[in-house]
Amino acid sequence: MSNIPIIQHSAEILSNREIGPGLYWIDLLSPEITSHAKPGHFVHLITSNLSKNRTYPAYLSHTPLLRRPFSVAERDPETGVIGLIYRVVGGGTEVLAMRPTGEYVDLIGPLGRPLKQVEKGKSVIMVAGGVGVAPFLSLVQETIRTKQATNDKITVLFGAANAGLLSGEEKFRDLGVNVKLATDDGSMGYHGLVTDLLIKEIGGSSQPFSFIYSCGPTSMMRLCQKIAREVGIPGQVSLEGIMPCGVGVCMACVVPCINPEDQSKQQFYERVCDKGPVFDINEVVF
């Protein structure tokens, strides 16, 4: 049982800006949650406007009804600001994109289990697809800030459908880590799948990787799992999913899993919001 407190409060929107086609970055003032959040944690927020001073049609005030989960992409313990990345893909994120600076959102967090800390002296590789880059921004920043590992030990492979959806890669470059990009349409970086880059990096690296982190589309994480198993490198995956409650009550986010140590490979189900969203790379049945 984690000793990290779960906090609910109204967080002020400090900025909410489009950083790519349908891709947004939102900064929230949340000192309490920011002070406890770790890389891999997520927050659960009500995207609609519950205040009396509404700036758009009333029907949007309660659309959608349920909360939405977002991985912590950045946190500043000194200012109490937490940053989230999201892509407009439905009603919830569409409403959130309309929310202006100065309004407040109802926020719960930090939730879930965090990513494993980068071990000192070890080389790690992070494979991100689309908005799946969020937890790795947080992990790299935290690793560099705490001097847990040097930037030359961290490699980030970031893939997306096109160059416009690779926003955030500049933050990695500012931190001095090794960044390689891949796009499906070839508009930036490698023309092809980011998992192809993973195979190239593992085969051509002068310093063997000790750990693989992966977050993004299911098909991408499935391939990362296959590659990790073939080369015998341990790792973790951070899952995305529908999480109406966020605290393990509603059972809407369950995924099939196995115990990697159990030779029978008998399947069982785990709740992404509670047991995850971070799992051992060999644990999830994709």
C-alpha atoms as a PDB file:
ATOM      1  CA  MET A   1       0.000   0.000   0.000  1.00  0.00           C
ATOM      2  CA  SER A   2       1.403   3.356  -1.035  1.00  0.00           C
ATOM      3  CA  ASN A   3       1.887   6.038   1.607  1.00  0.00           C
ATOM      4  CA  ILE A   4       1.465   8.810  -0.974  1.00  0.00           C
ATOM      5  CA  PRO A   5      -1.709  10.776  -0.166  1.00  0.00           C
ATOM      6  CA  ILE A   6      -4.474  11.198  -2.748  1.00  0.00           C
ATOM      7  CA  ILE A   7      -5.583  14.821  -2.876  1.00  0.00           C
ATOM      8  CA  GLN A   8      -8.654  16.460  -4.404  1.00  0.00           C
ATOM      9  CA  HIS A   9      -8.814  20.184  -4.980  1.00  0.00           C
ATOM     10  CA  SER A  10      -9.519  22.936  -7.536  1.00  0.00           C
ATOM     11  CA  ALA A  11      -6.443  23.680  -9.621  1.00  0.00           C
ATOM     12  CA  GLU A  12      -6.103  26.962 -11.486  1.00  0.00           C
ATOM     13  CA  ILE A  13      -5.396  26.802 -15.218  1.00  0.00           C
ATOM     14  CA  LEU A  14      -2.218  28.816 -15.775  1.00  0.00           C
ATOM     15  CA  SER A  15      -1.975  28.069 -19.495  1.00  0.00           C
ATOM     16  CA  ASN A  16      -3.767  25.852 -21.990  1.00  0.00           C
ATOM     17  CA  ARG A  17      -2.178  26.044 -25.405  1.00  0.00           C
ATOM     18  CA  GLU A  18      -2.090  24.113 -28.652  1.00  0.00           C
ATOM     19  CA  ILE A  19       1.392  22.777 -29.377  1.00  0.00           C
ATOM     20  CA  GLY A  20       0.560  20.726 -32.456  1.00  0.00           C
ATOM     21  CA  PRO A  21      -2.452  19.780 -34.599  1.00  0.00           C
ATOM     22  CA  GLY A  22      -5.058  18.887 -31.969  1.00  0.00           C
ATOM     23  CA  LEU A  23      -2.283  18.504 -29.379  1.00  0.00           C
ATOM     24  CA  TYR A  24      -2.348  20.592 -26.203  1.00  0.00           C
ATOM     25  CA  TRP A  25      -0.245  21.385 -23.147  1.00  0.00           C
ATOM     26  CA  ILE A  26      -1.990  22.538 -19.968  1.00  0.00           C
ATOM     27  CA  ASP A  27      -0.270  23.910 -16.844  1.00  0.00           C
ATOM     28  CA  LEU A  28      -2.168  23.678 -13.558  1.00  0.00           C
ATOM     29  CA  LEU A  29      -1.347  25.269 -10.212  1.00  0.00           C
ATOM     30  CA  SER A  30      -1.477  22.347  -7.817  1.00  0.00           C
ATOM     31  CA  PRO A  31       1.163  22.598  -5.061  1.00  0.00           C
ATOM     32  CA  GLU A  32      -0.257  19.728  -3.013  1.00  0.00           C
ATOM     33  CA  ILE A  33      -0.352  17.209  -5.837  1.00  0.00           C
ATOM     34  CA  THR A  34       2.884  18.458  -7.392  1.00  0.00           C
ATOM     35  CA  SER A  35       4.803  17.907  -4.163  1.00  0.00           C
ATOM     36  CA  HIS A  36       3.794  14.225  -4.035  1.00  0.00           C
ATOM     37  CA  ALA A  37       3.637  13.231  -7.725  1.00  0.00           C
ATOM     38  CA  LYS A  38       6.287  10.958  -9.211  1.00  0.00           C
ATOM     39  CA  PRO A  39       7.058  10.015 -12.828  1.00  0.00           C
ATOM     40  CA  GLY A  40       4.415   7.587 -14.040  1.00  0.00           C
ATOM     41  CA  HIS A  41       1.660   8.898 -11.783  1.00  0.00           C
ATOM     42  CA  PHE A  42      -1.506  10.273 -13.357  1.00  0.00           C
ATOM     43  CA  VAL A  43      -4.154  12.770 -12.301  1.00  0.00           C
ATOM     44  CA  HIS A  44      -7.906  12.533 -12.743  1.00  0.00           C
ATOM     45  CA  LEU A  45      -9.793  15.678 -13.663  1.00  0.00           C
ATOM     46  CA  ILE A  46     -13.228  16.943 -14.536  1.00  0.00           C
ATOM     47  CA  THR A  47     -12.804  18.597 -17.908  1.00  0.00           C
ATOM     48  CA  SER A  48     -16.085  20.514 -17.907  1.00  0.00           C
ATOM     49  CA  ASN A  49     -16.624  23.938 -16.355  1.00  0.00           C
ATOM     50  CA  LEU A  50     -18.506  23.724 -13.059  1.00  0.00           C
ATOM     51  CA  SER A  51     -18.237  27.422 -12.187  1.00  0.00           C
ATOM     52  CA  LYS A  52     -21.145  29.858 -12.389  1.00  0.00           C
ATOM     53  CA  ASN A  53     -19.219  32.242 -14.637  1.00  0.00           C
ATOM     54  CA  ARG A  54     -19.360  30.201 -17.814  1.00  0.00           C
ATOM     55  CA  THR A  55     -17.874  31.500 -21.025  1.00  0.00           C
ATOM     56  CA  TYR A  56     -19.530  29.006 -23.360  1.00  0.00           C
ATOM     57  CA  PRO A  57     -22.938  27.247 -23.737  1.00  0.00           C
ATOM     58  CA  ALA A  58     -24.412  25.762 -20.580  1.00  0.00           C
ATOM     59  CA  TYR A  59     -24.738  22.283 -22.083  1.00  0.00           C
ATOM     60  CA  LEU A  60     -20.939  22.004 -22.062  1.00  0.00           C
ATOM     61  CA  SER A  61     -20.810  22.558 -18.304  1.00  0.00           C
ATOM     62  CA  HIS A  62     -21.453  18.905 -17.563  1.00  0.00           C
ATOM     63  CA  THR A  63     -20.059  17.336 -20.725  1.00  0.00           C
ATOM     64  CA  PRO A  64     -18.571  14.871 -20.142  1.00  0.00           C
ATOM     65  CA  LEU A  65     -19.812  13.703 -16.766  1.00  0.00           C
ATOM     66  CA  LEU A  66     -16.916  11.365 -15.897  1.00  0.00           C
ATOM     67  CA  ARG A  67     -13.327  12.318 -15.097  1.00  0.00           C
ATOM     68  CA  ARG A  68     -10.445  11.858 -17.507  1.00  0.00           C
ATOM     69  CA  PRO A  69      -6.961  10.491 -16.653  1.00  0.00           C
ATOM     70  CA  PHE A  70      -3.780  12.313 -17.758  1.00  0.00           C
ATOM     71  CA  SER A  71      -0.174  11.286 -17.115  1.00  0.00           C
ATOM     72  CA  VAL A  72       2.029  13.785 -15.320  1.00  0.00           C
ATOM     73  CA  ALA A  73       4.331  15.206 -17.997  1.00  0.00           C
ATOM     74  CA  GLU A  74       6.102  17.822 -15.924  1.00  0.00           C
ATOM     75  CA  ARG A  75       6.132  19.062 -12.361  1.00  0.00           C
ATOM     76  CA  ASP A  76       7.893  21.906 -10.604  1.00  0.00           C
ATOM     77  CA  PRO A  77       7.943  21.366  -6.830  1.00  0.00           C
ATOM     78  CA  GLU A  78       9.139  24.938  -6.255  1.00  0.00           C
ATOM     79  CA  THR A  79       6.270  26.664  -8.074  1.00  0.00           C
ATOM     80  CA  GLY A  80       3.649  23.957  -7.545  1.00  0.00           C
ATOM     81  CA  VAL A  81       2.920  23.752 -11.272  1.00  0.00           C
ATOM     82  CA  ILE A  82       2.023  20.479 -12.935  1.00  0.00           C
ATOM     83  CA  GLY A  83       2.037  20.051 -16.744  1.00  0.00           C
ATOM     84  CA  LEU A  84      -0.105  17.663 -18.790  1.00  0.00           C
ATOM     85  CA  ILE A  85      -0.168  16.771 -22.491  1.00  0.00           C
ATOM     86  CA  TYR A  86      -3.399  15.780 -24.196  1.00  0.00           C
ATOM     87  CA  ARG A  87      -4.741  15.243 -27.677  1.00  0.00           C
ATOM     88  CA  VAL A  88      -8.299  16.181 -28.639  1.00  0.00           C
ATOM     89  CA  VAL A  89      -9.920  12.856 -29.472  1.00  0.00           C
ATOM     90  CA  GLY A  90     -13.406  13.103 -27.950  1.00  0.00           C
ATOM     91  CA  GLY A  91     -15.883  15.166 -25.976  1.00  0.00           C
ATOM     92  CA  GLY A  92     -13.812  15.360 -22.810  1.00  0.00           C
ATOM     93  CA  THR A  93     -10.631  16.653 -24.394  1.00  0.00           C
ATOM     94  CA  GLU A  94     -12.609  18.894 -26.764  1.00  0.00           C
ATOM     95  CA  VAL A  95     -14.162  20.669 -23.794  1.00  0.00           C
ATOM     96  CA  LEU A  96     -10.821  20.826 -21.979  1.00  0.00           C
ATOM     97  CA  ALA A  97      -9.223  22.534 -24.983  1.00  0.00           C
ATOM     98  CA  MET A  98     -11.816  25.314 -24.647  1.00  0.00           C
ATOM     99  CA  ARG A  99     -10.993  26.038 -21.022  1.00  0.00           C
ATOM    100  CA  PRO A 100      -9.233  29.430 -20.664  1.00  0.00           C
ATOM    101  CA  THR A 101      -6.513  30.609 -18.321  1.00  0.00           C
ATOM    102  CA  GLY A 102      -7.839  31.599 -14.903  1.00  0.00           C
ATOM    103  CA  GLU A 103     -10.543  28.967 -14.654  1.00  0.00           C
ATOM    104  CA  TYR A 104     -10.305  26.044 -12.240  1.00  0.00           C
ATOM    105  CA  VAL A 105     -10.513  22.304 -12.782  1.00  0.00           C
ATOM    106  CA  ASP A 106     -11.400  19.716 -10.166  1.00  0.00           C
ATOM    107  CA  LEU A 107      -8.314  17.533  -9.826  1.00  0.00           C
ATOM    108  CA  ILE A 108      -7.558  14.281  -7.989  1.00  0.00           C
ATOM    109  CA  GLY A 109      -4.066  12.841  -7.665  1.00  0.00           C
ATOM    110  CA  PRO A 110      -1.462  11.609  -7.713  1.00  0.00           C
ATOM    111  CA  LEU A 111      -2.899   8.238  -8.729  1.00  0.00           C
ATOM    112  CA  GLY A 112      -1.497   4.889  -9.828  1.00  0.00           C
ATOM    113  CA  ARG A 113       1.953   3.406  -9.440  1.00  0.00           C
ATOM    114  CA  PRO A 114       5.023   5.287 -10.642  1.00  0.00           C
ATOM    115  CA  LEU A 115       7.789   4.245 -13.010  1.00  0.00           C
ATOM    116  CA  LYS A 116      10.903   2.588 -11.701  1.00  0.00           C
ATOM    117  CA  GLN A 117      13.657   5.059 -10.994  1.00  0.00           C
ATOM    118  CA  VAL A 118      16.599   5.046 -13.392  1.00  0.00           C
ATOM    119  CA  GLU A 119      19.498   3.238 -11.715  1.00  0.00           C
ATOM    120  CA  LYS A 120      22.792   5.033 -11.337  1.00  0.00           C
ATOM    121  CA  GLY A 121      25.401   4.043 -13.883  1.00  0.00           C
ATOM    122  CA  LYS A 122      22.896   2.124 -16.027  1.00  0.00           C
ATOM    123  CA  SER A 123      21.907   2.951 -19.610  1.00  0.00           C
ATOM    124  CA  VAL A 124      18.173   2.989 -20.293  1.00  0.00           C
ATOM    125  CA  ILE A 125      16.007   3.462 -23.360  1.00  0.00           C
ATOM    126  CA  MET A 126      12.512   4.971 -23.453  1.00  0.00           C
ATOM    127  CA  VAL A 127      10.125   4.282 -26.332  1.00  0.00           C
ATOM    128  CA  ALA A 128       7.259   6.753 -26.650  1.00  0.00           C
ATOM    129  CA  GLY A 129       4.387   6.934 -29.101  1.00  0.00           C
ATOM    130  CA  GLY A 130       2.312  10.117 -29.426  1.00  0.00           C
ATOM    131  CA  VAL A 131       1.082  11.464 -26.088  1.00  0.00           C
ATOM    132  CA  GLY A 132       2.717   8.399 -24.527  1.00  0.00           C
ATOM    133  CA  VAL A 133       5.757  10.659 -24.261  1.00  0.00           C
ATOM    134  CA  ALA A 134       4.267  12.350 -21.176  1.00  0.00           C
ATOM    135  CA  PRO A 135       5.529  10.058 -18.376  1.00  0.00           C
ATOM    136  CA  PHE A 136       9.028  10.001 -19.880  1.00  0.00           C
ATOM    137  CA  LEU A 137       9.302  13.787 -19.888  1.00  0.00           C
ATOM    138  CA  SER A 138       8.634  13.616 -16.174  1.00  0.00           C
ATOM    139  CA  LEU A 139      11.026  10.696 -15.634  1.00  0.00           C
ATOM    140  CA  VAL A 140      13.923  12.316 -17.507  1.00  0.00           C
ATOM    141  CA  GLN A 141      13.459  15.669 -15.755  1.00  0.00           C
ATOM    142  CA  GLU A 142      13.303  13.986 -12.366  1.00  0.00           C
ATOM    143  CA  THR A 143      16.348  11.830 -13.116  1.00  0.00           C
ATOM    144  CA  ILE A 144      18.446  14.823 -14.171  1.00  0.00           C
ATOM    145  CA  ARG A 145      17.162  17.038 -11.363  1.00  0.00           C
ATOM    146  CA  THR A 146      18.025  14.516  -8.660  1.00  0.00           C
ATOM    147  CA  LYS A 147      21.302  13.533 -10.386  1.00  0.00           C
ATOM    148  CA  GLN A 148      20.186   9.943 -10.240  1.00  0.00           C
ATOM    149  CA  ALA A 149      21.784   9.404 -13.646  1.00  0.00           C
ATOM    150  CA  THR A 150      23.629  11.471 -16.236  1.00  0.00           C
ATOM    151  CA  ASN A 151      21.946  12.496 -19.480  1.00  0.00           C
ATOM    152  CA  ASP A 152      24.350  10.458 -21.624  1.00  0.00           C
ATOM    153  CA  LYS A 153      22.880   7.282 -20.096  1.00  0.00           C
ATOM    154  CA  ILE A 154      19.360   8.053 -21.342  1.00  0.00           C
ATOM    155  CA  THR A 155      18.076   7.434 -24.873  1.00  0.00           C
ATOM    156  CA  VAL A 156      14.573   8.500 -25.912  1.00  0.00           C
ATOM    157  CA  LEU A 157      12.889   7.159 -29.047  1.00  0.00           C
ATOM    158  CA  PHE A 158       9.827   9.243 -29.888  1.00  0.00           C
ATOM    159  CA  GLY A 159       7.423   8.258 -32.659  1.00  0.00           C
ATOM    160  CA  ALA A 160       4.206   9.726 -34.038  1.00  0.00           C
ATOM    161  CA  ALA A 161       2.086   9.795 -37.177  1.00  0.00           C
ATOM    162  CA  ASN A 162       3.656  13.038 -38.379  1.00  0.00           C
ATOM    163  CA  ALA A 163       6.066  15.797 -37.358  1.00  0.00           C
ATOM    164  CA  GLY A 164       3.301  17.986 -35.935  1.00  0.00           C
ATOM    165  CA  LEU A 165       2.613  15.412 -33.226  1.00  0.00           C
ATOM    166  CA  LEU A 166       6.202  15.252 -31.991  1.00  0.00           C
ATOM    167  CA  SER A 167       5.884  18.335 -29.795  1.00  0.00           C
ATOM    168  CA  GLY A 168       7.809  17.870 -26.579  1.00  0.00           C
ATOM    169  CA  GLU A 169      10.968  16.470 -28.138  1.00  0.00           C
ATOM    170  CA  GLU A 170      12.680  19.838 -27.660  1.00  0.00           C
ATOM    171  CA  LYS A 171      12.355  19.423 -23.895  1.00  0.00           C
ATOM    172  CA  PHE A 172      14.407  16.233 -24.084  1.00  0.00           C
ATOM    173  CA  ARG A 173      17.052  17.964 -26.173  1.00  0.00           C
ATOM    174  CA  ASP A 174      17.242  20.802 -23.656  1.00  0.00           C
ATOM    175  CA  LEU A 175      18.029  18.188 -21.004  1.00  0.00           C
ATOM    176  CA  GLY A 176      20.852  16.805 -23.149  1.00  0.00           C
ATOM    177  CA  VAL A 177      19.612  13.247 -23.569  1.00  0.00           C
ATOM    178  CA  ASN A 178      19.968  11.250 -26.778  1.00  0.00           C
ATOM    179  CA  VAL A 179      16.738  11.726 -28.775  1.00  0.00           C
ATOM    180  CA  LYS A 180      15.777   9.959 -32.000  1.00  0.00           C
ATOM    181  CA  LEU A 181      12.502  10.576 -33.830  1.00  0.00           C
ATOM    182  CA  ALA A 182      10.303   8.476 -36.098  1.00  0.00           C
ATOM    183  CA  THR A 183       7.214   9.391 -38.113  1.00  0.00           C
ATOM    184  CA  ASP A 184       4.820   7.191 -40.036  1.00  0.00           C
ATOM    185  CA  ASP A 185       4.807   9.605 -42.995  1.00  0.00           C
ATOM    186  CA  GLY A 186       8.537  10.358 -42.937  1.00  0.00           C
ATOM    187  CA  SER A 187       8.004  14.075 -42.280  1.00  0.00           C
ATOM    188  CA  MET A 188      10.651  14.052 -39.531  1.00  0.00           C
ATOM    189  CA  GLY A 189      13.325  11.640 -38.412  1.00  0.00           C
ATOM    190  CA  TYR A 190      13.175   7.963 -39.329  1.00  0.00           C
ATOM    191  CA  HIS A 191      10.474   7.037 -41.854  1.00  0.00           C
ATOM    192  CA  GLY A 192       8.720   4.153 -40.173  1.00  0.00           C
ATOM    193  CA  LEU A 193       7.866   2.650 -36.812  1.00  0.00           C
ATOM    194  CA  VAL A 194       9.596   3.766 -33.651  1.00  0.00           C
ATOM    195  CA  THR A 195      10.008   0.090 -32.733  1.00  0.00           C
ATOM    196  CA  ASP A 196      12.257  -0.299 -35.793  1.00  0.00           C
ATOM    197  CA  LEU A 197      14.458   2.369 -34.221  1.00  0.00           C
ATOM    198  CA  LEU A 198      14.429   0.364 -30.998  1.00  0.00           C
ATOM    199  CA  ILE A 199      15.831  -2.684 -32.821  1.00  0.00           C
ATOM    200  CA  LYS A 200      18.542  -0.545 -34.430  1.00  0.00           C
ATOM    201  CA  GLU A 201      19.507   1.093 -31.137  1.00  0.00           C
ATOM    202  CA  ILE A 202      19.731  -2.176 -29.237  1.00  0.00           C
ATOM    203  CA  GLY A 203      21.826  -3.749 -31.981  1.00  0.00           C
ATOM    204  CA  GLY A 204      24.110  -0.781 -32.569  1.00  0.00           C
ATOM    205  CA  SER A 205      24.611   0.707 -29.131  1.00  0.00           C
ATOM    206  CA  SER A 206      28.117   0.719 -27.679  1.00  0.00           C
ATOM    207  CA  GLN A 207      26.686   0.641 -24.174  1.00  0.00           C
ATOM    208  CA  PRO A 208      24.150  -2.159 -23.548  1.00  0.00           C
ATOM    209  CA  PHE A 209      20.774  -1.000 -22.279  1.00  0.00           C
ATOM    210  CA  SER A 210      19.788  -2.338 -18.895  1.00  0.00           C
ATOM    211  CA  PHE A 211      16.121  -1.307 -18.985  1.00  0.00           C
ATOM    212  CA  ILE A 212      13.361  -0.497 -21.500  1.00  0.00           C
ATOM    213  CA  TYR A 213      10.458   1.835 -20.777  1.00  0.00           C
ATOM    214  CA  SER A 214       7.495   1.972 -23.158  1.00  0.00           C
ATOM    215  CA  CYS A 215       4.295   4.029 -23.396  1.00  0.00           C
ATOM    216  CA  GLY A 216       2.041   4.595 -26.377  1.00  0.00           C
ATOM    217  CA  PRO A 217      -0.356   2.699 -28.652  1.00  0.00           C
ATOM    218  CA  THR A 218      -1.041  -0.925 -27.750  1.00  0.00           C
ATOM    219  CA  SER A 219       0.484  -2.223 -30.986  1.00  0.00           C
ATOM    220  CA  MET A 220       3.716  -0.343 -30.237  1.00  0.00           C
ATOM    221  CA  MET A 221       3.946  -1.657 -26.681  1.00  0.00           C
ATOM    222  CA  ARG A 222       3.247  -5.183 -27.892  1.00  0.00           C
ATOM    223  CA  LEU A 223       6.257  -4.971 -30.215  1.00  0.00           C
ATOM    224  CA  CYS A 224       8.394  -3.471 -27.442  1.00  0.00           C
ATOM    225  CA  GLN A 225       7.447  -6.389 -25.238  1.00  0.00           C
ATOM    226  CA  LYS A 226       8.393  -8.867 -27.975  1.00  0.00           C
ATOM    227  CA  ILE A 227      11.756  -7.171 -28.551  1.00  0.00           C
ATOM    228  CA  ALA A 228      12.517  -6.965 -24.834  1.00  0.00           C
ATOM    229  CA  ARG A 229      11.808 -10.667 -24.427  1.00  0.00           C
ATOM    230  CA  GLU A 230      13.969 -11.613 -27.400  1.00  0.00           C
ATOM    231  CA  VAL A 231      16.999  -9.695 -26.130  1.00  0.00           C
ATOM    232  CA  GLY A 232      16.371 -10.439 -22.456  1.00  0.00           C
ATOM    233  CA  ILE A 233      16.162  -6.839 -21.231  1.00  0.00           C
ATOM    234  CA  PRO A 234      13.781  -6.066 -18.349  1.00  0.00           C
ATOM    235  CA  GLY A 235      11.438  -3.124 -18.546  1.00  0.00           C
ATOM    236  CA  GLN A 236       8.126  -1.483 -17.830  1.00  0.00           C
ATOM    237  CA  VAL A 237       5.106  -0.370 -19.855  1.00  0.00           C
ATOM    238  CA  SER A 238       2.772   2.469 -18.914  1.00  0.00           C
ATOM    239  CA  LEU A 239      -0.766   1.793 -20.113  1.00  0.00           C
ATOM    240  CA  GLU A 240      -3.448   4.173 -21.232  1.00  0.00           C
ATOM    241  CA  GLY A 241      -7.133   3.403 -20.868  1.00  0.00           C
ATOM    242  CA  ILE A 242     -10.638   4.419 -19.867  1.00  0.00           C
ATOM    243  CA  MET A 243     -10.650   5.023 -16.116  1.00  0.00           C
ATOM    244  CA  PRO A 244     -14.046   6.344 -14.918  1.00  0.00           C
ATOM    245  CA  CYS A 245     -13.158   6.165 -11.209  1.00  0.00           C
ATOM    246  CA  GLY A 246      -9.350   6.181 -11.198  1.00  0.00           C
ATOM    247  CA  VAL A 247      -9.128   4.435  -7.831  1.00  0.00           C
ATOM    248  CA  GLY A 248      -9.874   0.774  -8.564  1.00  0.00           C
ATOM    249  CA  VAL A 249     -13.606   0.701  -7.808  1.00  0.00           C
ATOM    250  CA  CYS A 250     -15.482   0.574 -11.121  1.00  0.00           C
ATOM    251  CA  MET A 251     -13.403  -2.214 -12.764  1.00  0.00           C
ATOM    252  CA  ALA A 252     -13.722  -0.571 -16.205  1.00  0.00           C
ATOM    253  CA  CYS A 253      -9.982  -0.518 -16.917  1.00  0.00           C
ATOM    254  CA  VAL A 254      -8.996  -4.157 -16.320  1.00  0.00           C
ATOM    255  CA  VAL A 255      -6.400  -5.800 -18.580  1.00  0.00           C
ATOM    256  CA  PRO A 256      -5.308  -9.447 -18.876  1.00  0.00           C
ATOM    257  CA  CYS A 257      -2.002 -10.214 -17.182  1.00  0.00           C
ATOM    258  CA  ILE A 258       0.260 -13.102 -16.290  1.00  0.00           C
ATOM    259  CA  ASN A 259       2.852 -13.625 -13.600  1.00  0.00           C
ATOM    260  CA  PRO A 260       6.173 -13.685 -15.540  1.00  0.00           C
ATOM    261  CA  GLU A 261       7.597 -16.077 -12.945  1.00  0.00           C
ATOM    262  CA  ASP A 262       4.690 -18.550 -13.266  1.00  0.00           C
ATOM    263  CA  GLN A 263       5.496 -21.224 -15.852  1.00  0.00           C
ATOM    264  CA  SER A 264       1.802 -22.003 -16.344  1.00  0.00           C
ATOM    265  CA  LYS A 265       1.201 -18.490 -17.753  1.00  0.00           C
ATOM    266  CA  GLN A 266      -2.296 -18.551 -16.305  1.00  0.00           C
ATOM    267  CA  GLN A 267      -4.099 -15.287 -17.030  1.00  0.00           C
ATOM    268  CA  PHE A 268      -5.797 -13.009 -14.531  1.00  0.00           C
ATOM    269  CA  TYR A 269      -7.033  -9.431 -14.635  1.00  0.00           C
ATOM    270  CA  GLU A 270      -5.570  -6.313 -13.057  1.00  0.00           C
ATOM    271  CA  ARG A 271      -6.950  -2.773 -12.803  1.00  0.00           C
ATOM    272  CA  VAL A 272      -4.853  -0.290 -14.765  1.00  0.00           C
ATOM    273  CA  CYS A 273      -5.671   2.600 -12.428  1.00  0.00           C
ATOM    274  CA  ASP A 274      -4.811   0.676  -9.281  1.00  0.00           C
ATOM    275  CA  LYS A 275      -2.154  -1.934 -10.103  1.00  0.00           C
ATOM    276  CA  GLY A 276      -0.860   0.253 -12.930  1.00  0.00           C
ATOM    277  CA  PRO A 277      -0.741   2.232 -15.040  1.00  0.00           C
ATOM    278  CA  VAL A 278       2.869   1.000 -14.876  1.00  0.00           C
ATOM    279  CA  PHE A 279       3.392  -2.755 -15.267  1.00  0.00           C
ATOM    280  CA  ASP A 280       6.342  -5.064 -15.739  1.00  0.00           C
ATOM    281  CA  ILE A 281       6.926  -5.304 -19.493  1.00  0.00           C
ATOM    282  CA  ASN A 282       6.401  -9.077 -19.366  1.00  0.00           C
ATOM    283  CA  GLU A 283       3.257  -8.926 -17.247  1.00  0.00           C
ATOM    284  CA  VAL A 284       0.588  -7.574 -19.618  1.00  0.00           C
ATOM    285  CA  VAL A 285      -1.047  -9.792 -22.241  1.00  0.00           C
ATOM    286  CA  PHE A 286      -1.402  -7.491 -25.246  1.00  0.00           C
END
